[in-house]
Amino acid sequence: MFDVYRNEKRDFLVLSTGSAIPAVYSQNKWRKSRKRVLKVSDEIKSAVQRQGYYVRSLRVTKDRML
């Protein structure tokens, strides 16, 4: 299972259940999602296994709008 966090900048952090937030991202205020996540994509699963976490920005940029 996985824990999902969001912050006010609309960043998305996925960790394996029970893992601590990495020190690099600890300065941000993360809010844990109330829903339990049982399944994630293969990309996220491999990143969590390799690095211990997966981070993605959910902000809309001008490049994404085109």
N, C-alpha and C. Protein backbone atom coordinates (compact mmCIF):
# COMPACT_ATOMS: atom_id res chain seq x y z
N MET A 1 0.83 -1.18 0.00
CA MET A 1 0.00 0.00 0.00
C MET A 1 0.88 1.25 0.00
N PHE A 2 0.27 2.37 -0.30
CA PHE A 2 1.00 3.61 -0.45
C PHE A 2 0.30 4.74 0.30
N ASP A 3 1.10 5.69 0.78
CA ASP A 3 0.59 6.92 1.39
C ASP A 3 0.77 8.04 0.38
N VAL A 4 -0.26 8.86 0.22
CA VAL A 4 -0.23 9.96 -0.74
C VAL A 4 -0.34 11.27 0.02
N TYR A 5 0.53 12.22 -0.32
CA TYR A 5 0.57 13.53 0.32
C TYR A 5 0.45 14.61 -0.75
N ARG A 6 -0.11 15.78 -0.35
CA ARG A 6 -0.18 16.96 -1.20
C ARG A 6 0.27 18.16 -0.39
N ASN A 7 0.76 19.20 -1.07
CA ASN A 7 1.08 20.45 -0.37
C ASN A 7 0.35 21.60 -1.03
N GLU A 8 0.53 22.82 -0.49
CA GLU A 8 -0.21 23.96 -1.01
C GLU A 8 0.24 24.38 -2.40
N LYS A 9 1.41 23.93 -2.84
CA LYS A 9 1.90 24.23 -4.19
C LYS A 9 1.40 23.21 -5.21
N ARG A 10 0.50 22.34 -4.78
CA ARG A 10 -0.09 21.29 -5.62
C ARG A 10 0.95 20.28 -6.10
N ASP A 11 1.90 19.97 -5.24
CA ASP A 11 2.83 18.89 -5.51
C ASP A 11 2.26 17.62 -4.91
N PHE A 12 2.65 16.50 -5.47
CA PHE A 12 2.09 15.20 -5.17
C PHE A 12 3.25 14.29 -4.76
N LEU A 13 3.18 13.69 -3.57
CA LEU A 13 4.24 12.84 -3.04
C LEU A 13 3.66 11.48 -2.69
N VAL A 14 4.28 10.41 -3.19
CA VAL A 14 3.83 9.05 -2.90
C VAL A 14 4.95 8.31 -2.19
N LEU A 15 4.62 7.69 -1.04
CA LEU A 15 5.58 6.90 -0.26
C LEU A 15 4.97 5.54 0.02
N SER A 16 5.83 4.57 0.30
CA SER A 16 5.28 3.30 0.75
C SER A 16 4.72 3.50 2.17
N THR A 17 3.74 2.72 2.54
CA THR A 17 3.04 2.89 3.81
C THR A 17 4.01 2.86 4.98
N GLY A 18 3.91 3.86 5.85
CA GLY A 18 4.74 3.92 7.05
C GLY A 18 6.09 4.58 6.88
N SER A 19 6.46 4.96 5.65
CA SER A 19 7.74 5.61 5.41
C SER A 19 7.69 7.08 5.83
N ALA A 20 8.84 7.59 6.24
CA ALA A 20 8.94 9.01 6.61
C ALA A 20 9.14 9.86 5.37
N ILE A 21 8.72 11.11 5.43
CA ILE A 21 8.91 12.03 4.31
C ILE A 21 10.40 12.31 4.18
N PRO A 22 10.97 12.20 2.97
CA PRO A 22 12.40 12.45 2.77
C PRO A 22 12.81 13.84 3.24
N ALA A 23 14.02 13.97 3.73
CA ALA A 23 14.52 15.23 4.28
C ALA A 23 14.49 16.35 3.25
N VAL A 24 14.68 16.03 1.98
CA VAL A 24 14.67 17.04 0.92
C VAL A 24 13.32 17.73 0.84
N TYR A 25 12.25 17.01 1.13
CA TYR A 25 10.90 17.55 1.01
C TYR A 25 10.26 17.88 2.36
N SER A 26 10.99 17.73 3.45
CA SER A 26 10.40 17.92 4.77
C SER A 26 10.09 19.38 5.10
N GLN A 27 10.68 20.35 4.40
CA GLN A 27 10.41 21.75 4.71
C GLN A 27 9.02 22.17 4.23
N ASN A 28 8.43 21.44 3.29
CA ASN A 28 7.08 21.74 2.83
C ASN A 28 6.05 21.17 3.80
N LYS A 29 4.89 21.79 3.86
CA LYS A 29 3.81 21.28 4.70
C LYS A 29 2.98 20.32 3.86
N TRP A 30 3.12 19.05 4.14
CA TRP A 30 2.41 18.01 3.40
C TRP A 30 1.16 17.60 4.15
N ARG A 31 0.07 17.37 3.41
CA ARG A 31 -1.18 16.87 3.99
C ARG A 31 -1.41 15.47 3.44
N LYS A 32 -1.62 14.55 4.34
CA LYS A 32 -1.84 13.17 3.94
C LYS A 32 -3.26 12.99 3.42
N SER A 33 -3.39 12.29 2.31
CA SER A 33 -4.71 11.97 1.77
C SER A 33 -5.42 11.02 2.72
N ARG A 34 -6.70 11.21 2.88
CA ARG A 34 -7.46 10.35 3.79
C ARG A 34 -7.77 9.00 3.18
N LYS A 35 -7.76 8.93 1.86
CA LYS A 35 -8.06 7.67 1.19
C LYS A 35 -6.82 6.78 1.16
N ARG A 36 -7.03 5.50 1.33
CA ARG A 36 -5.93 4.54 1.24
C ARG A 36 -5.74 4.16 -0.22
N VAL A 37 -4.51 4.13 -0.66
CA VAL A 37 -4.21 3.80 -2.04
C VAL A 37 -3.61 2.40 -2.07
N LEU A 38 -4.27 1.51 -2.76
CA LEU A 38 -3.81 0.14 -2.84
C LEU A 38 -2.99 -0.13 -4.09
N LYS A 39 -3.31 0.58 -5.16
CA LYS A 39 -2.68 0.31 -6.44
C LYS A 39 -2.26 1.62 -7.10
N VAL A 40 -1.05 1.65 -7.65
CA VAL A 40 -0.55 2.81 -8.38
C VAL A 40 -0.01 2.33 -9.72
N SER A 41 0.33 3.26 -10.59
CA SER A 41 0.85 2.89 -11.90
C SER A 41 2.23 2.24 -11.76
N ASP A 42 2.65 1.55 -12.79
CA ASP A 42 3.95 0.89 -12.78
C ASP A 42 5.10 1.90 -12.64
N GLU A 43 4.94 3.08 -13.24
CA GLU A 43 5.95 4.14 -13.15
C GLU A 43 6.15 4.58 -11.70
N ILE A 44 5.05 4.81 -11.00
CA ILE A 44 5.12 5.25 -9.60
C ILE A 44 5.66 4.13 -8.72
N LYS A 45 5.19 2.91 -8.94
CA LYS A 45 5.64 1.77 -8.14
C LYS A 45 7.14 1.55 -8.28
N SER A 46 7.67 1.63 -9.50
CA SER A 46 9.11 1.43 -9.69
C SER A 46 9.92 2.57 -9.08
N ALA A 47 9.41 3.81 -9.15
CA ALA A 47 10.12 4.94 -8.54
C ALA A 47 10.16 4.81 -7.03
N VAL A 48 9.06 4.37 -6.41
CA VAL A 48 9.01 4.19 -4.96
C VAL A 48 9.96 3.08 -4.54
N GLN A 49 10.03 2.00 -5.31
CA GLN A 49 10.94 0.91 -4.99
C GLN A 49 12.39 1.34 -5.15
N ARG A 50 12.68 2.12 -6.18
CA ARG A 50 14.06 2.54 -6.48
C ARG A 50 14.53 3.66 -5.55
N GLN A 51 13.72 4.72 -5.39
CA GLN A 51 14.12 5.90 -4.63
C GLN A 51 13.54 5.96 -3.23
N GLY A 52 12.44 5.29 -3.02
CA GLY A 52 11.74 5.37 -1.74
C GLY A 52 10.59 6.36 -1.76
N TYR A 53 10.45 7.11 -2.86
CA TYR A 53 9.38 8.09 -3.00
C TYR A 53 9.17 8.43 -4.47
N TYR A 54 8.06 9.09 -4.76
CA TYR A 54 7.75 9.59 -6.09
C TYR A 54 7.13 10.97 -5.92
N VAL A 55 7.63 11.97 -6.64
CA VAL A 55 7.12 13.34 -6.54
C VAL A 55 6.75 13.83 -7.93
N ARG A 56 5.61 14.52 -8.00
CA ARG A 56 5.19 15.11 -9.27
C ARG A 56 4.45 16.40 -8.97
N SER A 57 4.63 17.37 -9.83
CA SER A 57 3.92 18.64 -9.68
C SER A 57 2.61 18.55 -10.43
N LEU A 58 1.53 18.96 -9.80
CA LEU A 58 0.21 18.96 -10.43
C LEU A 58 -0.17 20.34 -10.93
N ARG A 59 0.78 21.28 -10.85
CA ARG A 59 0.50 22.65 -11.31
C ARG A 59 0.37 22.69 -12.82
N VAL A 60 -0.51 23.54 -13.29
CA VAL A 60 -0.69 23.73 -14.73
C VAL A 60 0.29 24.80 -15.20
N THR A 61 1.08 24.46 -16.21
CA THR A 61 2.03 25.41 -16.77
C THR A 61 1.58 25.77 -18.19
N LYS A 62 2.20 26.80 -18.74
CA LYS A 62 1.85 27.23 -20.09
C LYS A 62 2.16 26.14 -21.10
N ASP A 63 3.24 25.38 -20.91
CA ASP A 63 3.59 24.31 -21.83
C ASP A 63 2.51 23.24 -21.88
N ARG A 64 1.92 22.92 -20.75
CA ARG A 64 0.88 21.89 -20.70
C ARG A 64 -0.42 22.37 -21.34
N MET A 65 -0.64 23.68 -21.38
CA MET A 65 -1.87 24.21 -21.95
C MET A 65 -1.84 24.15 -23.48
N LEU A 66 -0.68 24.16 -24.07
CA LEU A 66 -0.57 24.15 -25.54
C LEU A 66 -0.78 22.80 -26.12
